[in-house]
């Protein structure tokens, strides 16, 4: 199977990606999802470094795509969903706090991980 090069934009920056023949629509959909996730993190306003925005966006996308455990009935599923939503908010806050601590620790020498 051959590949083609496809130029895309993510958060205003161009990237040249390899794309298998017939995979253009799937790749463009993935690029759009990543772009939206990164813009959402950037627009939240707390993080400016592109690499940290990318990490948070990746974690958010991975969290969204992690399957929830199967439940026996609807009420149990609703309770699980509510708990998962509250847990996601708590995890997002904790992640932001950890990134702030990382920024403070790395600020001394200006280097990023």
PDB file of N, CA and C in Angstrom:
ATOM      1  N   UNK A   1       0.856  -1.177   0.000  1.00  0.00           N
ATOM      2  CA  UNK A   1       0.000   0.000   0.000  1.00  0.00           C
ATOM      3  C   UNK A   1       0.901   1.239   0.000  1.00  0.00           C
ATOM      4  N   UNK A   2       0.618   2.165  -0.866  1.00  0.00           N
ATOM      5  CA  UNK A   2       1.438   3.377  -0.943  1.00  0.00           C
ATOM      6  C   UNK A   2       0.860   4.463  -0.033  1.00  0.00           C
ATOM      7  N   UNK A   3       1.696   5.458   0.206  1.00  0.00           N
ATOM      8  CA  UNK A   3       1.272   6.573   1.043  1.00  0.00           C
ATOM      9  C   UNK A   3       1.450   7.877   0.282  1.00  0.00           C
ATOM     10  N   UNK A   4       0.695   8.854   0.698  1.00  0.00           N
ATOM     11  CA  UNK A   4       0.817  10.189   0.135  1.00  0.00           C
ATOM     12  C   UNK A   4       1.087  11.164   1.274  1.00  0.00           C
ATOM     13  N   UNK A   5       1.591  12.326   0.957  1.00  0.00           N
ATOM     14  CA  UNK A   5       1.832  13.345   1.964  1.00  0.00           C
ATOM     15  C   UNK A   5       0.653  14.303   1.965  1.00  0.00           C
ATOM     16  N   UNK A   6       0.234  14.659   3.143  1.00  0.00           N
ATOM     17  CA  UNK A   6      -0.919  15.536   3.300  1.00  0.00           C
ATOM     18  C   UNK A   6      -0.532  16.662   4.254  1.00  0.00           C
ATOM     19  N   UNK A   7      -0.711  17.907   3.819  1.00  0.00           N
ATOM     20  CA  UNK A   7      -0.424  19.045   4.681  1.00  0.00           C
ATOM     21  C   UNK A   7      -1.698  19.420   5.435  1.00  0.00           C
ATOM     22  N   UNK A   8      -1.563  19.526   6.761  1.00  0.00           N
ATOM     23  CA  UNK A   8      -2.713  19.850   7.614  1.00  0.00           C
ATOM     24  C   UNK A   8      -2.326  20.997   8.543  1.00  0.00           C
ATOM     25  N   UNK A   9      -3.325  21.587   9.148  1.00  0.00           N
ATOM     26  CA  UNK A   9      -3.133  22.657  10.131  1.00  0.00           C
ATOM     27  C   UNK A   9      -3.680  22.185  11.470  1.00  0.00           C
ATOM     28  N   UNK A  10      -2.851  22.317  12.505  1.00  0.00           N
ATOM     29  CA  UNK A  10      -3.289  22.040  13.868  1.00  0.00           C
ATOM     30  C   UNK A  10      -2.911  23.249  14.704  1.00  0.00           C
ATOM     31  N   UNK A  11      -3.899  23.878  15.268  1.00  0.00           N
ATOM     32  CA  UNK A  11      -3.715  25.070  16.090  1.00  0.00           C
ATOM     33  C   UNK A  11      -2.895  26.121  15.349  1.00  0.00           C
ATOM     34  N   UNK A  12      -3.196  26.273  14.048  1.00  0.00           N
ATOM     35  CA  UNK A  12      -2.571  27.305  13.247  1.00  0.00           C
ATOM     36  C   UNK A  12      -1.190  26.980  12.721  1.00  0.00           C
ATOM     37  N   UNK A  13      -0.686  25.797  13.008  1.00  0.00           N
ATOM     38  CA  UNK A  13       0.651  25.413  12.542  1.00  0.00           C
ATOM     39  C   UNK A  13       0.519  24.282  11.523  1.00  0.00           C
ATOM     40  N   UNK A  14       1.313  24.362  10.450  1.00  0.00           N
ATOM     41  CA  UNK A  14       1.264  23.359   9.388  1.00  0.00           C
ATOM     42  C   UNK A  14       2.088  22.131   9.756  1.00  0.00           C
ATOM     43  N   UNK A  15       1.568  20.980   9.383  1.00  0.00           N
ATOM     44  CA  UNK A  15       2.259  19.701   9.554  1.00  0.00           C
ATOM     45  C   UNK A  15       2.110  18.918   8.266  1.00  0.00           C
ATOM     46  N   UNK A  16       3.161  18.241   7.851  1.00  0.00           N
ATOM     47  CA  UNK A  16       3.137  17.378   6.681  1.00  0.00           C
ATOM     48  C   UNK A  16       3.098  15.948   7.193  1.00  0.00           C
ATOM     49  N   UNK A  17       1.995  15.253   6.917  1.00  0.00           N
ATOM     50  CA  UNK A  17       1.783  13.912   7.453  1.00  0.00           C
ATOM     51  C   UNK A  17       1.720  12.884   6.332  1.00  0.00           C
ATOM     52  N   UNK A  18       2.224  11.710   6.623  1.00  0.00           N
ATOM     53  CA  UNK A  18       2.063  10.598   5.692  1.00  0.00           C
ATOM     54  C   UNK A  18       0.670  10.022   5.851  1.00  0.00           C
ATOM     55  N   UNK A  19       0.064   9.683   4.735  1.00  0.00           N
ATOM     56  CA  UNK A  19      -1.311   9.184   4.768  1.00  0.00           C
ATOM     57  C   UNK A  19      -1.432   8.016   3.784  1.00  0.00           C
ATOM     58  N   UNK A  20      -1.904   6.860   4.234  1.00  0.00           N
ATOM     59  CA  UNK A  20      -2.081   5.743   3.306  1.00  0.00           C
ATOM     60  C   UNK A  20      -3.189   6.056   2.302  1.00  0.00           C
ATOM     61  N   UNK A  21      -3.058   5.497   1.108  1.00  0.00           N
ATOM     62  CA  UNK A  21      -4.103   5.678   0.102  1.00  0.00           C
ATOM     63  C   UNK A  21      -5.447   5.247   0.678  1.00  0.00           C
ATOM     64  N   UNK A  22      -6.448   6.068   0.477  1.00  0.00           N
ATOM     65  CA  UNK A  22      -7.787   5.770   0.979  1.00  0.00           C
ATOM     66  C   UNK A  22      -8.013   6.187   2.429  1.00  0.00           C
ATOM     67  N   UNK A  23      -6.986   6.699   3.086  1.00  0.00           N
ATOM     68  CA  UNK A  23      -7.129   7.061   4.496  1.00  0.00           C
ATOM     69  C   UNK A  23      -7.249   8.550   4.738  1.00  0.00           C
ATOM     70  N   UNK A  24      -7.389   9.330   3.662  1.00  0.00           N
ATOM     71  CA  UNK A  24      -7.399  10.778   3.806  1.00  0.00           C
ATOM     72  C   UNK A  24      -8.547  11.273   4.684  1.00  0.00           C
ATOM     73  N   UNK A  25      -9.742  10.765   4.474  1.00  0.00           N
ATOM     74  CA  UNK A  25     -10.897  11.224   5.259  1.00  0.00           C
ATOM     75  C   UNK A  25     -10.718  10.898   6.739  1.00  0.00           C
ATOM     76  N   UNK A  26     -10.205   9.710   7.036  1.00  0.00           N
ATOM     77  CA  UNK A  26      -9.996   9.304   8.423  1.00  0.00           C
ATOM     78  C   UNK A  26      -8.906  10.160   9.073  1.00  0.00           C
ATOM     79  N   UNK A  27      -7.832  10.421   8.342  1.00  0.00           N
ATOM     80  CA  UNK A  27      -6.761  11.256   8.881  1.00  0.00           C
ATOM     81  C   UNK A  27      -7.246  12.679   9.120  1.00  0.00           C
ATOM     82  N   UNK A  28      -7.994  13.233   8.176  1.00  0.00           N
ATOM     83  CA  UNK A  28      -8.509  14.596   8.337  1.00  0.00           C
ATOM     84  C   UNK A  28      -9.460  14.699   9.524  1.00  0.00           C
ATOM     85  N   UNK A  29     -10.259  13.646   9.741  1.00  0.00           N
ATOM     86  CA  UNK A  29     -11.152  13.629  10.902  1.00  0.00           C
ATOM     87  C   UNK A  29     -10.340  13.612  12.200  1.00  0.00           C
ATOM     88  N   UNK A  30      -9.255  12.829  12.223  1.00  0.00           N
ATOM     89  CA  UNK A  30      -8.398  12.773  13.404  1.00  0.00           C
ATOM     90  C   UNK A  30      -7.714  14.117  13.635  1.00  0.00           C
ATOM     91  N   UNK A  31      -7.236  14.743  12.572  1.00  0.00           N
ATOM     92  CA  UNK A  31      -6.593  16.057  12.678  1.00  0.00           C
ATOM     93  C   UNK A  31      -7.582  17.071  13.236  1.00  0.00           C
ATOM     94  N   UNK A  32      -8.812  17.043  12.748  1.00  0.00           N
ATOM     95  CA  UNK A  32      -9.833  17.971  13.230  1.00  0.00           C
ATOM     96  C   UNK A  32     -10.102  17.760  14.721  1.00  0.00           C
ATOM     97  N   UNK A  33     -10.153  16.505  15.132  1.00  0.00           N
ATOM     98  CA  UNK A  33     -10.402  16.202  16.545  1.00  0.00           C
ATOM     99  C   UNK A  33      -9.260  16.707  17.426  1.00  0.00           C
ATOM    100  N   UNK A  34      -8.015  16.488  16.979  1.00  0.00           N
ATOM    101  CA  UNK A  34      -6.851  16.953  17.727  1.00  0.00           C
ATOM    102  C   UNK A  34      -6.821  18.481  17.766  1.00  0.00           C
ATOM    103  N   UNK A  35      -7.089  19.105  16.620  1.00  0.00           N
ATOM    104  CA  UNK A  35      -7.098  20.570  16.549  1.00  0.00           C
ATOM    105  C   UNK A  35      -8.130  21.149  17.512  1.00  0.00           C
ATOM    106  N   UNK A  36      -9.321  20.589  17.517  1.00  0.00           N
ATOM    107  CA  UNK A  36     -10.367  21.077  18.417  1.00  0.00           C
ATOM    108  C   UNK A  36      -9.967  20.892  19.879  1.00  0.00           C
ATOM    109  N   UNK A  37      -9.393  19.729  20.202  1.00  0.00           N
ATOM    110  CA  UNK A  37      -8.990  19.458  21.582  1.00  0.00           C
ATOM    111  C   UNK A  37      -7.888  20.417  22.032  1.00  0.00           C
ATOM    112  N   UNK A  38      -6.913  20.661  21.158  1.00  0.00           N
ATOM    113  CA  UNK A  38      -5.819  21.569  21.521  1.00  0.00           C
ATOM    114  C   UNK A  38      -6.316  23.007  21.648  1.00  0.00           C
ATOM    115  N   UNK A  39      -7.186  23.432  20.751  1.00  0.00           N
ATOM    116  CA  UNK A  39      -7.734  24.794  20.824  1.00  0.00           C
ATOM    117  C   UNK A  39      -8.561  24.986  22.090  1.00  0.00           C
ATOM    118  N   UNK A  40      -9.264  23.945  22.488  1.00  0.00           N
ATOM    119  CA  UNK A  40     -10.075  24.015  23.710  1.00  0.00           C
ATOM    120  C   UNK A  40      -9.176  24.222  24.935  1.00  0.00           C
ATOM    121  N   UNK A  41      -8.066  23.474  24.996  1.00  0.00           N
ATOM    122  CA  UNK A  41      -7.126  23.629  26.109  1.00  0.00           C
ATOM    123  C   UNK A  41      -6.503  25.023  26.062  1.00  0.00           C
ATOM    124  N   UNK A  42      -6.071  25.450  24.866  1.00  0.00           N
ATOM    125  CA  UNK A  42      -5.453  26.774  24.714  1.00  0.00           C
ATOM    126  C   UNK A  42      -6.422  27.876  25.112  1.00  0.00           C
ATOM    127  N   UNK A  43      -7.673  27.757  24.683  1.00  0.00           N
ATOM    128  CA  UNK A  43      -8.664  28.790  24.954  1.00  0.00           C
ATOM    129  C   UNK A  43      -9.071  28.859  26.419  1.00  0.00           C
ATOM    130  N   UNK A  44      -8.786  27.795  27.171  1.00  0.00           N
ATOM    131  CA  UNK A  44      -9.049  27.830  28.613  1.00  0.00           C
ATOM    132  C   UNK A  44      -8.155  28.876  29.275  1.00  0.00           C
ATOM    133  N   UNK A  45      -7.028  29.202  28.608  1.00  0.00           N
ATOM    134  CA  UNK A  45      -6.224  30.342  28.998  1.00  0.00           C
ATOM    135  C   UNK A  45      -5.137  30.131  30.016  1.00  0.00           C
ATOM    136  N   UNK A  46      -5.024  28.964  30.611  1.00  0.00           N
ATOM    137  CA  UNK A  46      -4.046  28.790  31.672  1.00  0.00           C
ATOM    138  C   UNK A  46      -2.701  28.284  31.154  1.00  0.00           C
ATOM    139  N   UNK A  47      -2.695  27.633  30.020  1.00  0.00           N
ATOM    140  CA  UNK A  47      -1.476  27.015  29.520  1.00  0.00           C
ATOM    141  C   UNK A  47      -1.150  27.615  28.162  1.00  0.00           C
ATOM    142  N   UNK A  48       0.082  28.057  28.007  1.00  0.00           N
ATOM    143  CA  UNK A  48       0.509  28.702  26.762  1.00  0.00           C
ATOM    144  C   UNK A  48       1.474  27.849  25.948  1.00  0.00           C
ATOM    145  N   UNK A  49       2.251  26.997  26.592  1.00  0.00           N
ATOM    146  CA  UNK A  49       3.260  26.193  25.893  1.00  0.00           C
ATOM    147  C   UNK A  49       2.577  25.140  25.019  1.00  0.00           C
ATOM    148  N   UNK A  50       2.947  25.123  23.758  1.00  0.00           N
ATOM    149  CA  UNK A  50       2.319  24.220  22.784  1.00  0.00           C
ATOM    150  C   UNK A  50       2.465  22.754  23.192  1.00  0.00           C
ATOM    151  N   UNK A  51       3.622  22.376  23.738  1.00  0.00           N
ATOM    152  CA  UNK A  51       3.814  20.971  24.111  1.00  0.00           C
ATOM    153  C   UNK A  51       2.900  20.574  25.267  1.00  0.00           C
ATOM    154  N   UNK A  52       2.701  21.462  26.208  1.00  0.00           N
ATOM    155  CA  UNK A  52       1.802  21.156  27.327  1.00  0.00           C
ATOM    156  C   UNK A  52       0.345  21.114  26.867  1.00  0.00           C
ATOM    157  N   UNK A  53      -0.004  21.996  25.949  1.00  0.00           N
ATOM    158  CA  UNK A  53      -1.349  21.966  25.363  1.00  0.00           C
ATOM    159  C   UNK A  53      -1.566  20.629  24.679  1.00  0.00           C
ATOM    160  N   UNK A  54      -0.561  20.152  23.945  1.00  0.00           N
ATOM    161  CA  UNK A  54      -0.678  18.880  23.239  1.00  0.00           C
ATOM    162  C   UNK A  54      -0.847  17.719  24.217  1.00  0.00           C
ATOM    163  N   UNK A  55      -0.097  17.741  25.315  1.00  0.00           N
ATOM    164  CA  UNK A  55      -0.200  16.671  26.304  1.00  0.00           C
ATOM    165  C   UNK A  55      -1.588  16.667  26.939  1.00  0.00           C
ATOM    166  N   UNK A  56      -2.073  17.833  27.349  1.00  0.00           N
ATOM    167  CA  UNK A  56      -3.419  17.896  27.946  1.00  0.00           C
ATOM    168  C   UNK A  56      -4.487  17.462  26.951  1.00  0.00           C
ATOM    169  N   UNK A  57      -4.376  17.906  25.714  1.00  0.00           N
ATOM    170  CA  UNK A  57      -5.349  17.505  24.691  1.00  0.00           C
ATOM    171  C   UNK A  57      -5.325  15.993  24.492  1.00  0.00           C
ATOM    172  N   UNK A  58      -4.122  15.413  24.446  1.00  0.00           N
ATOM    173  CA  UNK A  58      -4.003  13.959  24.280  1.00  0.00           C
ATOM    174  C   UNK A  58      -4.625  13.217  25.456  1.00  0.00           C
ATOM    175  N   UNK A  59      -4.372  13.707  26.661  1.00  0.00           N
ATOM    176  CA  UNK A  59      -4.965  13.074  27.836  1.00  0.00           C
ATOM    177  C   UNK A  59      -6.485  13.189  27.830  1.00  0.00           C
ATOM    178  N   UNK A  60      -6.987  14.350  27.445  1.00  0.00           N
ATOM    179  CA  UNK A  60      -8.438  14.525  27.359  1.00  0.00           C
ATOM    180  C   UNK A  60      -9.042  13.576  26.335  1.00  0.00           C
ATOM    181  N   UNK A  61      -8.410  13.469  25.159  1.00  0.00           N
ATOM    182  CA  UNK A  61      -8.915  12.564  24.119  1.00  0.00           C
ATOM    183  C   UNK A  61      -8.851  11.112  24.584  1.00  0.00           C
ATOM    184  N   UNK A  62      -7.764  10.730  25.232  1.00  0.00           N
ATOM    185  CA  UNK A  62      -7.640   9.355  25.726  1.00  0.00           C
ATOM    186  C   UNK A  62      -8.695   9.064  26.786  1.00  0.00           C
ATOM    187  N   UNK A  63      -8.929  10.039  27.667  1.00  0.00           N
ATOM    188  CA  UNK A  63      -9.939   9.855  28.709  1.00  0.00           C
ATOM    189  C   UNK A  63     -11.328   9.687  28.091  1.00  0.00           C
ATOM    190  N   UNK A  64     -11.632  10.512  27.083  1.00  0.00           N
ATOM    191  CA  UNK A  64     -12.936  10.420  26.422  1.00  0.00           C
ATOM    192  C   UNK A  64     -13.130   9.075  25.734  1.00  0.00           C
ATOM    193  N   UNK A  65     -12.050   8.468  25.260  1.00  0.00           N
ATOM    194  CA  UNK A  65     -12.141   7.218  24.500  1.00  0.00           C
ATOM    195  C   UNK A  65     -11.895   5.980  25.339  1.00  0.00           C
ATOM    196  N   UNK A  66     -11.726   6.143  26.647  1.00  0.00           N
ATOM    197  CA  UNK A  66     -11.577   4.994  27.529  1.00  0.00           C
ATOM    198  C   UNK A  66     -12.958   4.463  27.846  1.00  0.00           C
ATOM    199  N   UNK A  67     -13.208   3.189  27.532  1.00  0.00           N
ATOM    200  CA  UNK A  67     -14.552   2.655  27.782  1.00  0.00           C
ATOM    201  C   UNK A  67     -14.872   2.584  29.265  1.00  0.00           C
ATOM    202  N   UNK A  68     -16.129   2.902  29.573  1.00  0.00           N
ATOM    203  CA  UNK A  68     -16.589   2.782  30.951  1.00  0.00           C
ATOM    204  C   UNK A  68     -16.951   1.327  31.210  1.00  0.00           C
ATOM    205  N   UNK A  69     -16.805   0.877  32.450  1.00  0.00           N
ATOM    206  CA  UNK A  69     -17.177  -0.512  32.739  1.00  0.00           C
ATOM    207  C   UNK A  69     -18.677  -0.735  32.531  1.00  0.00           C
ATOM    208  N   UNK A  70     -19.036  -1.931  32.080  1.00  0.00           N
ATOM    209  CA  UNK A  70     -20.446  -2.280  31.856  1.00  0.00           C
ATOM    210  C   UNK A  70     -21.176  -2.321  33.196  1.00  0.00           C
ATOM    211  N   UNK A  71     -22.451  -1.868  33.183  1.00  0.00           N
ATOM    212  CA  UNK A  71     -23.249  -1.879  34.411  1.00  0.00           C
ATOM    213  C   UNK A  71     -24.485  -2.734  34.195  1.00  0.00           C
ATOM    214  N   UNK A  72     -25.055  -3.187  35.295  1.00  0.00           N
ATOM    215  CA  UNK A  72     -26.176  -4.116  35.223  1.00  0.00           C
ATOM    216  C   UNK A  72     -27.490  -3.448  34.857  1.00  0.00           C
ATOM    217  N   UNK A  73     -27.737  -2.229  35.328  1.00  0.00           N
ATOM    218  CA  UNK A  73     -29.008  -1.584  35.031  1.00  0.00           C
ATOM    219  C   UNK A  73     -28.805  -0.093  34.757  1.00  0.00           C
ATOM    220  N   UNK A  74     -29.870   0.577  34.298  1.00  0.00           N
ATOM    221  CA  UNK A  74     -29.788   1.972  33.906  1.00  0.00           C
ATOM    222  C   UNK A  74     -29.454   2.881  35.074  1.00  0.00           C
ATOM    223  N   UNK A  75     -30.055   2.663  36.233  1.00  0.00           N
ATOM    224  CA  UNK A  75     -29.780   3.536  37.372  1.00  0.00           C
ATOM    225  C   UNK A  75     -28.318   3.430  37.782  1.00  0.00           C
ATOM    226  N   UNK A  76     -27.800   2.243  37.716  1.00  0.00           N
ATOM    227  CA  UNK A  76     -26.385   2.062  38.025  1.00  0.00           C
ATOM    228  C   UNK A  76     -25.519   2.758  36.987  1.00  0.00           C
ATOM    229  N   UNK A  77     -25.926   2.699  35.722  1.00  0.00           N
ATOM    230  CA  UNK A  77     -25.176   3.362  34.649  1.00  0.00           C
ATOM    231  C   UNK A  77     -25.199   4.867  34.840  1.00  0.00           C
ATOM    232  N   UNK A  78     -26.350   5.429  35.209  1.00  0.00           N
ATOM    233  CA  UNK A  78     -26.443   6.869  35.436  1.00  0.00           C
ATOM    234  C   UNK A  78     -25.578   7.299  36.619  1.00  0.00           C
ATOM    235  N   UNK A  79     -25.581   6.509  37.669  1.00  0.00           N
ATOM    236  CA  UNK A  79     -24.755   6.830  38.833  1.00  0.00           C
ATOM    237  C   UNK A  79     -23.275   6.779  38.451  1.00  0.00           C
ATOM    238  N   UNK A  80     -22.915   5.778  37.657  1.00  0.00           N
ATOM    239  CA  UNK A  80     -21.527   5.653  37.203  1.00  0.00           C
ATOM    240  C   UNK A  80     -21.146   6.839  36.341  1.00  0.00           C
ATOM    241  N   UNK A  81     -22.054   7.255  35.444  1.00  0.00           N
ATOM    242  CA  UNK A  81     -21.766   8.389  34.562  1.00  0.00           C
ATOM    243  C   UNK A  81     -21.585   9.671  35.371  1.00  0.00           C
ATOM    244  N   UNK A  82     -22.454   9.884  36.366  1.00  0.00           N
ATOM    245  CA  UNK A  82     -22.334  11.080  37.202  1.00  0.00           C
ATOM    246  C   UNK A  82     -21.025  11.059  37.980  1.00  0.00           C
ATOM    247  N   UNK A  83     -20.687   9.909  38.520  1.00  0.00           N
ATOM    248  CA  UNK A  83     -19.431   9.786  39.257  1.00  0.00           C
ATOM    249  C   UNK A  83     -18.248   9.983  38.323  1.00  0.00           C
ATOM    250  N   UNK A  84     -18.355   9.443  37.099  1.00  0.00           N
ATOM    251  CA  UNK A  84     -17.269   9.599  36.128  1.00  0.00           C
ATOM    252  C   UNK A  84     -17.099  11.059  35.735  1.00  0.00           C
ATOM    253  N   UNK A  85     -18.203  11.778  35.574  1.00  0.00           N
ATOM    254  CA  UNK A  85     -18.130  13.194  35.223  1.00  0.00           C
ATOM    255  C   UNK A  85     -17.459  13.991  36.332  1.00  0.00           C
ATOM    256  N   UNK A  86     -17.853  13.730  37.570  1.00  0.00           N
ATOM    257  CA  UNK A  86     -17.241  14.420  38.703  1.00  0.00           C
ATOM    258  C   UNK A  86     -15.762  14.045  38.809  1.00  0.00           C
ATOM    259  N   UNK A  87     -15.456  12.785  38.565  1.00  0.00           N
ATOM    260  CA  UNK A  87     -14.067  12.321  38.605  1.00  0.00           C
ATOM    261  C   UNK A  87     -13.250  13.001  37.511  1.00  0.00           C
ATOM    262  N   UNK A  88     -13.837  13.159  36.323  1.00  0.00           N
ATOM    263  CA  UNK A  88     -13.127  13.812  35.213  1.00  0.00           C
ATOM    264  C   UNK A  88     -12.788  15.257  35.560  1.00  0.00           C
ATOM    265  N   UNK A  89     -13.714  15.960  36.188  1.00  0.00           N
ATOM    266  CA  UNK A  89     -13.470  17.347  36.588  1.00  0.00           C
ATOM    267  C   UNK A  89     -12.358  17.397  37.626  1.00  0.00           C
ATOM    268  N   UNK A  90     -12.410  16.484  38.607  1.00  0.00           N
ATOM    269  CA  UNK A  90     -11.368  16.428  39.632  1.00  0.00           C
ATOM    270  C   UNK A  90     -10.010  16.110  39.012  1.00  0.00           C
ATOM    271  N   UNK A  91      -9.981  15.162  38.090  1.00  0.00           N
ATOM    272  CA  UNK A  91      -8.729  14.789  37.438  1.00  0.00           C
ATOM    273  C   UNK A  91      -8.178  15.943  36.602  1.00  0.00           C
ATOM    274  N   UNK A  92      -9.060  16.682  35.927  1.00  0.00           N
ATOM    275  CA  UNK A  92      -8.619  17.833  35.134  1.00  0.00           C
ATOM    276  C   UNK A  92      -7.987  18.884  36.038  1.00  0.00           C
ATOM    277  N   UNK A  93      -8.620  19.164  37.179  1.00  0.00           N
ATOM    278  CA  UNK A  93      -8.069  20.135  38.117  1.00  0.00           C
ATOM    279  C   UNK A  93      -6.729  19.662  38.653  1.00  0.00           C
ATOM    280  N   UNK A  94      -6.636  18.383  38.992  1.00  0.00           N
ATOM    281  CA  UNK A  94      -5.384  17.831  39.513  1.00  0.00           C
ATOM    282  C   UNK A  94      -4.284  17.896  38.460  1.00  0.00           C
ATOM    283  N   UNK A  95      -4.634  17.576  37.229  1.00  0.00           N
ATOM    284  CA  UNK A  95      -3.666  17.640  36.142  1.00  0.00           C
ATOM    285  C   UNK A  95      -3.164  19.066  35.944  1.00  0.00           C
ATOM    286  N   UNK A  96      -4.060  20.032  35.997  1.00  0.00           N
ATOM    287  CA  UNK A  96      -3.661  21.433  35.857  1.00  0.00           C
ATOM    288  C   UNK A  96      -2.743  21.860  37.004  1.00  0.00           C
ATOM    289  N   UNK A  97      -3.030  21.390  38.215  1.00  0.00           N
ATOM    290  CA  UNK A  97      -2.165  21.710  39.358  1.00  0.00           C
ATOM    291  C   UNK A  97      -0.779  21.096  39.175  1.00  0.00           C
ATOM    292  N   UNK A  98      -0.729  19.865  38.702  1.00  0.00           N
ATOM    293  CA  UNK A  98       0.553  19.216  38.466  1.00  0.00           C
ATOM    294  C   UNK A  98       1.350  19.940  37.392  1.00  0.00           C
ATOM    295  N   UNK A  99       0.673  20.373  36.341  1.00  0.00           N
ATOM    296  CA  UNK A  99       1.364  21.107  35.285  1.00  0.00           C
ATOM    297  C   UNK A  99       1.886  22.453  35.794  1.00  0.00           C
ATOM    298  N   UNK A 100       1.140  23.102  36.667  1.00  0.00           N
ATOM    299  CA  UNK A 100       1.613  24.354  37.267  1.00  0.00           C
ATOM    300  C   UNK A 100       2.875  24.111  38.096  1.00  0.00           C
ATOM    301  N   UNK A 101       2.881  23.029  38.876  1.00  0.00           N
ATOM    302  CA  UNK A 101       4.062  22.697  39.666  1.00  0.00           C
ATOM    303  C   UNK A 101       5.244  22.393  38.749  1.00  0.00           C
ATOM    304  N   UNK A 102       4.982  21.681  37.670  1.00  0.00           N
ATOM    305  CA  UNK A 102       6.037  21.377  36.702  1.00  0.00           C
ATOM    306  C   UNK A 102       6.577  22.657  36.088  1.00  0.00           C
ATOM    307  N   UNK A 103       5.692  23.565  35.708  1.00  0.00           N
ATOM    308  CA  UNK A 103       6.123  24.852  35.159  1.00  0.00           C
ATOM    309  C   UNK A 103       6.993  25.611  36.157  1.00  0.00           C
ATOM    310  N   UNK A 104       6.595  25.618  37.426  1.00  0.00           N
ATOM    311  CA  UNK A 104       7.365  26.321  38.446  1.00  0.00           C
ATOM    312  C   UNK A 104       8.743  25.692  38.619  1.00  0.00           C
ATOM    313  N   UNK A 105       8.790  24.370  38.617  1.00  0.00           N
ATOM    314  CA  UNK A 105      10.067  23.685  38.796  1.00  0.00           C
ATOM    315  C   UNK A 105      10.996  23.904  37.615  1.00  0.00           C
ATOM    316  N   UNK A 106      10.446  23.934  36.409  1.00  0.00           N
ATOM    317  CA  UNK A 106      11.263  24.099  35.205  1.00  0.00           C
ATOM    318  C   UNK A 106      11.545  25.554  34.892  1.00  0.00           C
ATOM    319  N   UNK A 107      10.852  26.446  35.529  1.00  0.00           N
ATOM    320  CA  UNK A 107      11.034  27.875  35.257  1.00  0.00           C
ATOM    321  C   UNK A 107      12.464  28.335  35.555  1.00  0.00           C
ATOM    322  N   UNK A 108      13.098  27.680  36.504  1.00  0.00           N
ATOM    323  CA  UNK A 108      14.444  28.067  36.908  1.00  0.00           C
ATOM    324  C   UNK A 108      15.410  28.022  35.728  1.00  0.00           C
ATOM    325  N   UNK A 109      15.323  26.966  34.903  1.00  0.00           N
ATOM    326  CA  UNK A 109      16.265  26.886  33.793  1.00  0.00           C
ATOM    327  C   UNK A 109      15.587  27.054  32.440  1.00  0.00           C
ATOM    328  N   UNK A 110      14.282  27.257  32.427  1.00  0.00           N
ATOM    329  CA  UNK A 110      13.558  27.536  31.187  1.00  0.00           C
ATOM    330  C   UNK A 110      13.449  26.361  30.243  1.00  0.00           C
ATOM    331  N   UNK A 111      13.707  25.163  30.727  1.00  0.00           N
ATOM    332  CA  UNK A 111      13.648  23.992  29.851  1.00  0.00           C
ATOM    333  C   UNK A 111      12.322  23.276  30.023  1.00  0.00           C
ATOM    334  N   UNK A 112      11.907  22.646  28.940  1.00  0.00           N
ATOM    335  CA  UNK A 112      10.682  21.861  28.954  1.00  0.00           C
ATOM    336  C   UNK A 112      11.030  20.382  28.910  1.00  0.00           C
ATOM    337  N   UNK A 113      10.138  19.577  29.380  1.00  0.00           N
ATOM    338  CA  UNK A 113      10.353  18.131  29.297  1.00  0.00           C
ATOM    339  C   UNK A 113      10.089  17.685  27.884  1.00  0.00           C
TER     340      UNK A 113
END
